[in-house]
């Protein structure tokens, strides 16, 4: 079998409303911090599916938390899309949330995001993302173009694409470190495109949502901290994955803005 599944369930403190999918690539310590944050700060009913993409020991027990935890142990490493799609197939809650292990929380981000998803036009909701110093990350972006990527590569500046204030922002796409979907929407769109092993899955799913008449929203009232690893800047293998995914997006989706 490609993967084995072990469920370890607590009695939830309230009926789960959101399934949180987290994938670890030898990041169990970070996952433990994230789950502790969810445990400490979230009053929203949660269940967590943790996928161990490589074999690794856990520094915590799944029963340490007040929400149910399920563990998938992959026999072979899989890509971002395949892992989260596999978790989605086990989801029985109304909402499905993709969260990176290197996310930290100081408050419950779910209520304002869930509120936005009551609007059927919203396909995915995302929080404001800060780096550990408190600076706003560029997690709400315009669709990429070859010229725009070249311009960014040649510039030392890293400006954000949208001004962020107190009101929600409706960008072309939102970054995949934290994405909250209605499960019905995620299923109807076919989940993430598994042709992407790593990178551009978030761009692509937002592009497809927009083609269906839905749009992403970034909600400043919900905030997270993202301690980004930026592996594509340091590791040749990650740079290859990034370039391959970029090329795939342009070849399959076009070279410019194709959203509504």
C-alpha atoms as a PDB file:
ATOM      1  CA  UNK A   1       0.000   0.000   0.000  1.00  0.00           C
ATOM      2  CA  UNK A   2       1.196   3.493  -0.733  1.00  0.00           C
ATOM      3  CA  UNK A   3       0.390   4.766   2.719  1.00  0.00           C
ATOM      4  CA  UNK A   4      -0.875   3.570   6.041  1.00  0.00           C
ATOM      5  CA  UNK A   5      -3.426   5.394   8.155  1.00  0.00           C
ATOM      6  CA  UNK A   6      -3.735   5.461  11.900  1.00  0.00           C
ATOM      7  CA  UNK A   7      -6.537   7.337  13.626  1.00  0.00           C
ATOM      8  CA  UNK A   8      -6.141   8.472  17.206  1.00  0.00           C
ATOM      9  CA  UNK A   9      -9.244  10.259  18.441  1.00  0.00           C
ATOM     10  CA  UNK A  10     -10.080  12.192  21.580  1.00  0.00           C
ATOM     11  CA  UNK A  11     -13.542  13.220  22.630  1.00  0.00           C
ATOM     12  CA  UNK A  12     -13.756  16.607  20.883  1.00  0.00           C
ATOM     13  CA  UNK A  13     -14.629  19.557  23.055  1.00  0.00           C
ATOM     14  CA  UNK A  14     -17.202  20.541  20.455  1.00  0.00           C
ATOM     15  CA  UNK A  15     -18.445  19.048  17.221  1.00  0.00           C
ATOM     16  CA  UNK A  16     -15.713  19.474  14.596  1.00  0.00           C
ATOM     17  CA  UNK A  17     -16.468  22.126  12.009  1.00  0.00           C
ATOM     18  CA  UNK A  18     -13.065  22.370  10.297  1.00  0.00           C
ATOM     19  CA  UNK A  19     -10.606  19.678   9.248  1.00  0.00           C
ATOM     20  CA  UNK A  20      -7.031  20.970   9.347  1.00  0.00           C
ATOM     21  CA  UNK A  21      -4.581  19.195   7.036  1.00  0.00           C
ATOM     22  CA  UNK A  22      -0.884  19.459   7.943  1.00  0.00           C
ATOM     23  CA  UNK A  23       1.982  17.728   6.125  1.00  0.00           C
ATOM     24  CA  UNK A  24       5.328  17.163   7.833  1.00  0.00           C
ATOM     25  CA  UNK A  25       8.623  16.629   6.003  1.00  0.00           C
ATOM     26  CA  UNK A  26      10.749  15.911   9.058  1.00  0.00           C
ATOM     27  CA  UNK A  27       9.156  18.926  10.785  1.00  0.00           C
ATOM     28  CA  UNK A  28       7.532  17.172  13.743  1.00  0.00           C
ATOM     29  CA  UNK A  29       8.826  19.736  16.240  1.00  0.00           C
ATOM     30  CA  UNK A  30       7.178  22.553  14.262  1.00  0.00           C
ATOM     31  CA  UNK A  31       3.983  20.523  13.943  1.00  0.00           C
ATOM     32  CA  UNK A  32       3.930  20.096  17.731  1.00  0.00           C
ATOM     33  CA  UNK A  33       4.147  23.875  18.176  1.00  0.00           C
ATOM     34  CA  UNK A  34       1.357  24.432  15.653  1.00  0.00           C
ATOM     35  CA  UNK A  35      -0.929  21.872  17.285  1.00  0.00           C
ATOM     36  CA  UNK A  36      -0.231  23.425  20.694  1.00  0.00           C
ATOM     37  CA  UNK A  37      -1.240  26.818  19.287  1.00  0.00           C
ATOM     38  CA  UNK A  38      -4.452  25.372  17.852  1.00  0.00           C
ATOM     39  CA  UNK A  39      -5.123  23.745  21.206  1.00  0.00           C
ATOM     40  CA  UNK A  40      -4.483  26.918  23.188  1.00  0.00           C
ATOM     41  CA  UNK A  41      -6.173  29.519  21.010  1.00  0.00           C
ATOM     42  CA  UNK A  42      -8.928  27.947  18.912  1.00  0.00           C
ATOM     43  CA  UNK A  43     -12.464  27.632  20.221  1.00  0.00           C
ATOM     44  CA  UNK A  44     -13.585  26.564  16.730  1.00  0.00           C
ATOM     45  CA  UNK A  45     -14.348  22.838  16.569  1.00  0.00           C
ATOM     46  CA  UNK A  46     -11.400  21.199  14.808  1.00  0.00           C
ATOM     47  CA  UNK A  47     -10.147  17.826  13.710  1.00  0.00           C
ATOM     48  CA  UNK A  48      -6.571  17.459  12.459  1.00  0.00           C
ATOM     49  CA  UNK A  49      -5.132  15.144   9.825  1.00  0.00           C
ATOM     50  CA  UNK A  50      -1.347  15.010  10.059  1.00  0.00           C
ATOM     51  CA  UNK A  51       0.510  13.434   7.149  1.00  0.00           C
ATOM     52  CA  UNK A  52       4.069  12.270   7.840  1.00  0.00           C
ATOM     53  CA  UNK A  53       5.589  12.430   4.380  1.00  0.00           C
ATOM     54  CA  UNK A  54       8.790  10.773   5.592  1.00  0.00           C
ATOM     55  CA  UNK A  55       9.362   8.475   8.563  1.00  0.00           C
ATOM     56  CA  UNK A  56      10.012  10.481  11.724  1.00  0.00           C
ATOM     57  CA  UNK A  57       9.337  10.183  15.450  1.00  0.00           C
ATOM     58  CA  UNK A  58       6.765  12.481  17.027  1.00  0.00           C
ATOM     59  CA  UNK A  59       7.743  14.550  20.088  1.00  0.00           C
ATOM     60  CA  UNK A  60       4.077  14.568  21.169  1.00  0.00           C
ATOM     61  CA  UNK A  61       1.213  12.127  21.480  1.00  0.00           C
ATOM     62  CA  UNK A  62      -1.898  12.648  19.333  1.00  0.00           C
ATOM     63  CA  UNK A  63      -3.946  12.394  22.533  1.00  0.00           C
ATOM     64  CA  UNK A  64      -2.199  15.479  23.971  1.00  0.00           C
ATOM     65  CA  UNK A  65      -4.745  17.774  22.345  1.00  0.00           C
ATOM     66  CA  UNK A  66      -8.423  18.499  22.873  1.00  0.00           C
ATOM     67  CA  UNK A  67      -9.291  17.869  19.217  1.00  0.00           C
ATOM     68  CA  UNK A  68      -9.213  14.562  17.291  1.00  0.00           C
ATOM     69  CA  UNK A  69      -5.950  13.793  15.485  1.00  0.00           C
ATOM     70  CA  UNK A  70      -5.480  11.330  12.630  1.00  0.00           C
ATOM     71  CA  UNK A  71      -2.029  10.360  11.380  1.00  0.00           C
ATOM     72  CA  UNK A  72      -1.179   9.260   7.847  1.00  0.00           C
ATOM     73  CA  UNK A  73       2.265   7.699   7.483  1.00  0.00           C
ATOM     74  CA  UNK A  74       3.353   7.669   3.845  1.00  0.00           C
ATOM     75  CA  UNK A  75       5.323   4.692   2.590  1.00  0.00           C
ATOM     76  CA  UNK A  76       6.832   6.996  -0.059  1.00  0.00           C
ATOM     77  CA  UNK A  77       7.050  10.781  -0.149  1.00  0.00           C
ATOM     78  CA  UNK A  78       4.304  12.529  -2.095  1.00  0.00           C
ATOM     79  CA  UNK A  79       3.825  16.099  -3.303  1.00  0.00           C
ATOM     80  CA  UNK A  80       1.897  18.948  -1.650  1.00  0.00           C
ATOM     81  CA  UNK A  81      -1.199  18.442  -3.798  1.00  0.00           C
ATOM     82  CA  UNK A  82      -1.352  14.660  -3.457  1.00  0.00           C
ATOM     83  CA  UNK A  83      -0.911  14.791   0.320  1.00  0.00           C
ATOM     84  CA  UNK A  84      -3.611  17.373   0.960  1.00  0.00           C
ATOM     85  CA  UNK A  85      -5.994  15.755  -1.520  1.00  0.00           C
ATOM     86  CA  UNK A  86      -5.546  12.446   0.315  1.00  0.00           C
ATOM     87  CA  UNK A  87      -6.361  14.184   3.603  1.00  0.00           C
ATOM     88  CA  UNK A  88      -9.417  15.773   2.017  1.00  0.00           C
ATOM     89  CA  UNK A  89     -10.763  12.366   1.027  1.00  0.00           C
ATOM     90  CA  UNK A  90     -10.944  11.567   4.758  1.00  0.00           C
ATOM     91  CA  UNK A  91     -12.635  14.870   5.602  1.00  0.00           C
ATOM     92  CA  UNK A  92     -16.169  14.784   6.980  1.00  0.00           C
ATOM     93  CA  UNK A  93     -16.451  18.392   8.144  1.00  0.00           C
ATOM     94  CA  UNK A  94     -18.066  21.320   6.353  1.00  0.00           C
ATOM     95  CA  UNK A  95     -14.743  23.134   5.986  1.00  0.00           C
ATOM     96  CA  UNK A  96     -11.248  22.036   4.961  1.00  0.00           C
ATOM     97  CA  UNK A  97      -8.101  23.966   5.863  1.00  0.00           C
ATOM     98  CA  UNK A  98      -4.554  23.532   4.554  1.00  0.00           C
ATOM     99  CA  UNK A  99      -1.900  24.737   7.016  1.00  0.00           C
ATOM    100  CA  UNK A 100       1.897  24.598   6.810  1.00  0.00           C
ATOM    101  CA  UNK A 101       3.861  23.271   9.819  1.00  0.00           C
ATOM    102  CA  UNK A 102       5.804  26.548  10.158  1.00  0.00           C
ATOM    103  CA  UNK A 103       2.686  28.571  10.994  1.00  0.00           C
ATOM    104  CA  UNK A 104       2.182  29.955  14.512  1.00  0.00           C
ATOM    105  CA  UNK A 105      -0.994  31.347  16.056  1.00  0.00           C
ATOM    106  CA  UNK A 106      -1.622  33.817  18.855  1.00  0.00           C
ATOM    107  CA  UNK A 107      -5.410  33.859  18.427  1.00  0.00           C
ATOM    108  CA  UNK A 108      -8.161  31.884  16.704  1.00  0.00           C
ATOM    109  CA  UNK A 109      -8.084  32.817  12.991  1.00  0.00           C
ATOM    110  CA  UNK A 110     -11.117  30.751  12.018  1.00  0.00           C
ATOM    111  CA  UNK A 111     -14.179  32.855  13.021  1.00  0.00           C
ATOM    112  CA  UNK A 112     -13.516  35.804  10.653  1.00  0.00           C
ATOM    113  CA  UNK A 113     -12.514  33.416   7.855  1.00  0.00           C
ATOM    114  CA  UNK A 114     -15.597  31.260   8.295  1.00  0.00           C
ATOM    115  CA  UNK A 115     -17.721  34.402   8.302  1.00  0.00           C
ATOM    116  CA  UNK A 116     -16.355  35.379   4.879  1.00  0.00           C
ATOM    117  CA  UNK A 117     -17.009  31.902   3.490  1.00  0.00           C
ATOM    118  CA  UNK A 118     -20.739  32.373   4.116  1.00  0.00           C
ATOM    119  CA  UNK A 119     -20.629  34.382   0.880  1.00  0.00           C
ATOM    120  CA  UNK A 120     -20.944  31.819  -1.906  1.00  0.00           C
ATOM    121  CA  UNK A 121     -18.780  33.951  -4.212  1.00  0.00           C
ATOM    122  CA  UNK A 122     -15.767  33.399  -1.947  1.00  0.00           C
ATOM    123  CA  UNK A 123     -13.893  30.258  -2.973  1.00  0.00           C
ATOM    124  CA  UNK A 124     -11.076  30.356  -0.423  1.00  0.00           C
ATOM    125  CA  UNK A 125     -10.334  32.512   2.623  1.00  0.00           C
ATOM    126  CA  UNK A 126      -6.872  33.266   3.976  1.00  0.00           C
ATOM    127  CA  UNK A 127      -5.550  35.227   6.962  1.00  0.00           C
ATOM    128  CA  UNK A 128      -3.124  38.112   7.047  1.00  0.00           C
ATOM    129  CA  UNK A 129       0.370  36.590   7.139  1.00  0.00           C
ATOM    130  CA  UNK A 130       3.173  38.183   9.147  1.00  0.00           C
ATOM    131  CA  UNK A 131       6.811  37.154   9.365  1.00  0.00           C
ATOM    132  CA  UNK A 132       8.345  36.654  12.834  1.00  0.00           C
ATOM    133  CA  UNK A 133       9.385  40.337  12.958  1.00  0.00           C
ATOM    134  CA  UNK A 134       5.782  41.451  12.370  1.00  0.00           C
ATOM    135  CA  UNK A 135       6.247  42.499   8.736  1.00  0.00           C
ATOM    136  CA  UNK A 136       3.392  41.724   6.326  1.00  0.00           C
ATOM    137  CA  UNK A 137       4.294  38.928   3.897  1.00  0.00           C
ATOM    138  CA  UNK A 138       3.279  39.018   0.236  1.00  0.00           C
ATOM    139  CA  UNK A 139       0.675  36.279   0.616  1.00  0.00           C
ATOM    140  CA  UNK A 140      -1.959  38.062  -1.506  1.00  0.00           C
ATOM    141  CA  UNK A 141      -0.702  38.385  -5.049  1.00  0.00           C
ATOM    142  CA  UNK A 142      -1.531  39.043  -8.667  1.00  0.00           C
ATOM    143  CA  UNK A 143      -1.314  36.178 -11.118  1.00  0.00           C
ATOM    144  CA  UNK A 144       2.263  35.740 -12.346  1.00  0.00           C
ATOM    145  CA  UNK A 145       3.454  36.594 -15.820  1.00  0.00           C
ATOM    146  CA  UNK A 146       6.910  35.888 -17.303  1.00  0.00           C
ATOM    147  CA  UNK A 147       7.634  39.620 -17.480  1.00  0.00           C
ATOM    148  CA  UNK A 148       6.551  40.157 -13.893  1.00  0.00           C
ATOM    149  CA  UNK A 149       8.730  37.295 -12.667  1.00  0.00           C
ATOM    150  CA  UNK A 150      11.738  38.623 -14.579  1.00  0.00           C
ATOM    151  CA  UNK A 151      11.152  42.117 -13.200  1.00  0.00           C
ATOM    152  CA  UNK A 152      10.969  40.746  -9.666  1.00  0.00           C
ATOM    153  CA  UNK A 153      14.136  38.685 -10.136  1.00  0.00           C
ATOM    154  CA  UNK A 154      16.073  41.750 -11.295  1.00  0.00           C
ATOM    155  CA  UNK A 155      14.807  43.998  -8.515  1.00  0.00           C
ATOM    156  CA  UNK A 156      16.139  44.156  -4.969  1.00  0.00           C
ATOM    157  CA  UNK A 157      12.751  45.404  -3.773  1.00  0.00           C
ATOM    158  CA  UNK A 158      10.083  43.025  -2.508  1.00  0.00           C
ATOM    159  CA  UNK A 159       6.916  45.124  -2.631  1.00  0.00           C
ATOM    160  CA  UNK A 160       3.580  43.513  -1.829  1.00  0.00           C
ATOM    161  CA  UNK A 161       1.021  43.455  -4.657  1.00  0.00           C
ATOM    162  CA  UNK A 162      -1.952  44.728  -2.623  1.00  0.00           C
ATOM    163  CA  UNK A 163      -2.187  47.369   0.072  1.00  0.00           C
ATOM    164  CA  UNK A 164      -3.343  45.768   3.309  1.00  0.00           C
ATOM    165  CA  UNK A 165      -5.524  47.703   5.741  1.00  0.00           C
ATOM    166  CA  UNK A 166      -8.399  46.740   7.997  1.00  0.00           C
ATOM    167  CA  UNK A 167     -10.770  45.647   5.231  1.00  0.00           C
ATOM    168  CA  UNK A 168     -10.742  42.349   3.330  1.00  0.00           C
ATOM    169  CA  UNK A 169      -8.670  42.198   0.148  1.00  0.00           C
ATOM    170  CA  UNK A 170      -9.717  40.267  -2.963  1.00  0.00           C
ATOM    171  CA  UNK A 171      -6.472  39.317  -4.713  1.00  0.00           C
ATOM    172  CA  UNK A 172      -5.894  37.099  -7.730  1.00  0.00           C
ATOM    173  CA  UNK A 173      -4.527  34.365  -5.449  1.00  0.00           C
ATOM    174  CA  UNK A 174      -3.541  33.677  -1.860  1.00  0.00           C
ATOM    175  CA  UNK A 175      -0.507  31.723  -0.719  1.00  0.00           C
ATOM    176  CA  UNK A 176      -0.854  28.103   0.354  1.00  0.00           C
ATOM    177  CA  UNK A 177       0.562  28.231   3.875  1.00  0.00           C
ATOM    178  CA  UNK A 178      -3.011  28.717   5.181  1.00  0.00           C
ATOM    179  CA  UNK A 179      -6.069  28.266   2.959  1.00  0.00           C
ATOM    180  CA  UNK A 180      -9.608  27.645   4.225  1.00  0.00           C
ATOM    181  CA  UNK A 181     -12.213  26.181   1.850  1.00  0.00           C
ATOM    182  CA  UNK A 182     -15.773  25.003   2.059  1.00  0.00           C
ATOM    183  CA  UNK A 183     -15.367  21.257   1.627  1.00  0.00           C
ATOM    184  CA  UNK A 184     -18.063  21.316  -1.071  1.00  0.00           C
ATOM    185  CA  UNK A 185     -16.087  23.910  -3.035  1.00  0.00           C
ATOM    186  CA  UNK A 186     -12.764  22.078  -2.685  1.00  0.00           C
ATOM    187  CA  UNK A 187     -14.396  18.862  -3.860  1.00  0.00           C
ATOM    188  CA  UNK A 188     -16.237  20.494  -6.758  1.00  0.00           C
ATOM    189  CA  UNK A 189     -13.049  22.119  -8.076  1.00  0.00           C
ATOM    190  CA  UNK A 190     -11.232  18.770  -7.916  1.00  0.00           C
ATOM    191  CA  UNK A 191      -8.878  19.752  -5.124  1.00  0.00           C
ATOM    192  CA  UNK A 192      -5.279  20.660  -5.882  1.00  0.00           C
ATOM    193  CA  UNK A 193      -3.830  19.710  -9.258  1.00  0.00           C
ATOM    194  CA  UNK A 194      -1.537  16.761  -8.501  1.00  0.00           C
ATOM    195  CA  UNK A 195       0.532  17.576 -11.572  1.00  0.00           C
ATOM    196  CA  UNK A 196       2.271  20.093  -9.304  1.00  0.00           C
ATOM    197  CA  UNK A 197       4.645  18.338  -6.909  1.00  0.00           C
ATOM    198  CA  UNK A 198       5.589  21.499  -5.031  1.00  0.00           C
ATOM    199  CA  UNK A 199       4.900  25.212  -5.682  1.00  0.00           C
ATOM    200  CA  UNK A 200       2.152  26.886  -7.735  1.00  0.00           C
ATOM    201  CA  UNK A 201      -0.603  24.596  -6.396  1.00  0.00           C
ATOM    202  CA  UNK A 202      -2.051  27.658  -4.645  1.00  0.00           C
ATOM    203  CA  UNK A 203      -1.804  29.835  -7.761  1.00  0.00           C
ATOM    204  CA  UNK A 204      -3.462  27.158  -9.861  1.00  0.00           C
ATOM    205  CA  UNK A 205      -6.399  26.415  -7.564  1.00  0.00           C
ATOM    206  CA  UNK A 206      -7.165  30.138  -7.233  1.00  0.00           C
ATOM    207  CA  UNK A 207      -7.001  30.465 -11.024  1.00  0.00           C
ATOM    208  CA  UNK A 208      -9.506  27.595 -11.386  1.00  0.00           C
ATOM    209  CA  UNK A 209     -11.788  29.036  -8.706  1.00  0.00           C
ATOM    210  CA  UNK A 210     -11.843  32.346 -10.541  1.00  0.00           C
ATOM    211  CA  UNK A 211     -12.740  30.566 -13.763  1.00  0.00           C
ATOM    212  CA  UNK A 212     -15.754  29.175 -11.875  1.00  0.00           C
ATOM    213  CA  UNK A 213     -16.843  32.656 -10.817  1.00  0.00           C
ATOM    214  CA  UNK A 214     -15.409  32.498  -7.293  1.00  0.00           C
ATOM    215  CA  UNK A 215     -12.608  34.534  -5.796  1.00  0.00           C
ATOM    216  CA  UNK A 216     -10.104  34.420  -2.946  1.00  0.00           C
ATOM    217  CA  UNK A 217     -10.221  36.757   0.017  1.00  0.00           C
ATOM    218  CA  UNK A 218      -7.536  37.799   2.479  1.00  0.00           C
ATOM    219  CA  UNK A 219      -9.038  38.731   5.852  1.00  0.00           C
ATOM    220  CA  UNK A 220      -6.854  41.079   7.949  1.00  0.00           C
ATOM    221  CA  UNK A 221      -8.978  40.377  11.056  1.00  0.00           C
ATOM    222  CA  UNK A 222      -7.482  36.863  10.998  1.00  0.00           C
ATOM    223  CA  UNK A 223      -3.734  36.784  11.498  1.00  0.00           C
ATOM    224  CA  UNK A 224      -0.969  34.193  11.584  1.00  0.00           C
ATOM    225  CA  UNK A 225       2.828  34.214  11.793  1.00  0.00           C
ATOM    226  CA  UNK A 226       4.764  32.339   9.106  1.00  0.00           C
ATOM    227  CA  UNK A 227       8.378  31.408   9.742  1.00  0.00           C
ATOM    228  CA  UNK A 228       9.137  30.749   6.067  1.00  0.00           C
ATOM    229  CA  UNK A 229      12.029  28.433   5.189  1.00  0.00           C
ATOM    230  CA  UNK A 230      12.443  29.704   1.581  1.00  0.00           C
ATOM    231  CA  UNK A 231      13.981  26.393   0.510  1.00  0.00           C
ATOM    232  CA  UNK A 232      13.797  27.327  -3.183  1.00  0.00           C
ATOM    233  CA  UNK A 233      16.350  30.085  -2.506  1.00  0.00           C
ATOM    234  CA  UNK A 234      18.954  27.679  -1.068  1.00  0.00           C
ATOM    235  CA  UNK A 235      18.365  24.159  -2.347  1.00  0.00           C
ATOM    236  CA  UNK A 236      18.893  23.231  -6.008  1.00  0.00           C
ATOM    237  CA  UNK A 237      16.199  20.538  -5.924  1.00  0.00           C
ATOM    238  CA  UNK A 238      13.623  23.021  -4.654  1.00  0.00           C
ATOM    239  CA  UNK A 239      14.651  25.535  -7.305  1.00  0.00           C
ATOM    240  CA  UNK A 240      14.051  22.899  -9.982  1.00  0.00           C
ATOM    241  CA  UNK A 241      10.606  22.115  -8.554  1.00  0.00           C
ATOM    242  CA  UNK A 242       9.806  25.833  -8.476  1.00  0.00           C
ATOM    243  CA  UNK A 243      10.881  26.382 -12.085  1.00  0.00           C
ATOM    244  CA  UNK A 244       9.064  23.245 -13.285  1.00  0.00           C
ATOM    245  CA  UNK A 245       5.834  24.276 -11.574  1.00  0.00           C
ATOM    246  CA  UNK A 246       6.110  27.794 -12.960  1.00  0.00           C
ATOM    247  CA  UNK A 247       6.529  26.450 -16.490  1.00  0.00           C
ATOM    248  CA  UNK A 248       3.604  24.056 -16.047  1.00  0.00           C
ATOM    249  CA  UNK A 249       1.324  26.878 -14.920  1.00  0.00           C
ATOM    250  CA  UNK A 250       2.172  29.067 -17.904  1.00  0.00           C
ATOM    251  CA  UNK A 251       1.872  26.211 -20.394  1.00  0.00           C
ATOM    252  CA  UNK A 252      -1.480  24.982 -19.069  1.00  0.00           C
ATOM    253  CA  UNK A 253      -3.124  28.201 -17.845  1.00  0.00           C
ATOM    254  CA  UNK A 254      -1.679  30.920 -20.075  1.00  0.00           C
ATOM    255  CA  UNK A 255       0.763  33.781 -19.761  1.00  0.00           C
ATOM    256  CA  UNK A 256      -1.394  36.523 -18.353  1.00  0.00           C
ATOM    257  CA  UNK A 257      -4.364  37.332 -16.173  1.00  0.00           C
ATOM    258  CA  UNK A 258      -7.172  34.929 -17.046  1.00  0.00           C
ATOM    259  CA  UNK A 259      -9.405  35.434 -14.053  1.00  0.00           C
ATOM    260  CA  UNK A 260     -12.696  37.375 -14.157  1.00  0.00           C
END
